[in-house]
């Protein structure tokens, strides 16, 4: 599917522009995620280096531009590349949602201005944070290089994030960390949920590199021997 997309991108200016917008959205949402994570987990204030809301508006604007370009492309060229066009629209939807999620993480930080920390869970949380950040880096590389091999590796490598996230959430509901204040427990539960959601959207984007449109978001089919 993705090699098919590349051939379309290089031959149509509207699709090429939409493709470049995806690059910009990937880089922007990646930066937003790192900023949101750091302000919640590494500072005792809710001050960030730039306005996340403005960045989120930029992501939304890019999404509208991509939709417009895809629509105009379909009007002028017909439905011959419909599957490829739908893949592009699917990707920008996931990126727009990642932008919303990073904004939600900043909102958690604003409601919990002290650095979010838990002696019981921090090792696992750091592991998840680092994995999501790595997943973001690798997803950008796989997408920009249309690297199906890397895409398959990414989808397999970060599947554990969902399981570990659920383990932490279940433990929080059971009040297993008796030292954690209620406000911090709520903030941590919300944060873990947002990390899990970002990872899921990254999986959707990566799956577009290796899967046909109808299997976006799902694991690649095993090849029959």
Foldseek 3Di string as FASTA:
>chain_A
DLVVLVVVLVPDPLSVVLLVLLLVLLVLLLVLQVQLVCQQAPALALDTPDDLVVSLVVLVVSLVSLVVSLVVCCVVPNCPCVQSSVLSNLLSVLSSVSSVLSVVSSVLCNVRSGRQDAPVCVVVVVVLSVLLSVLSVLLSVCNVVLPQVSLLVSLVVNPCLVVSLVVLLVCLVVCVRVPDDPSSSVSVNSVSVSSVSNSQSSQLSSVSSHDGNVQRSHRDDDDDD
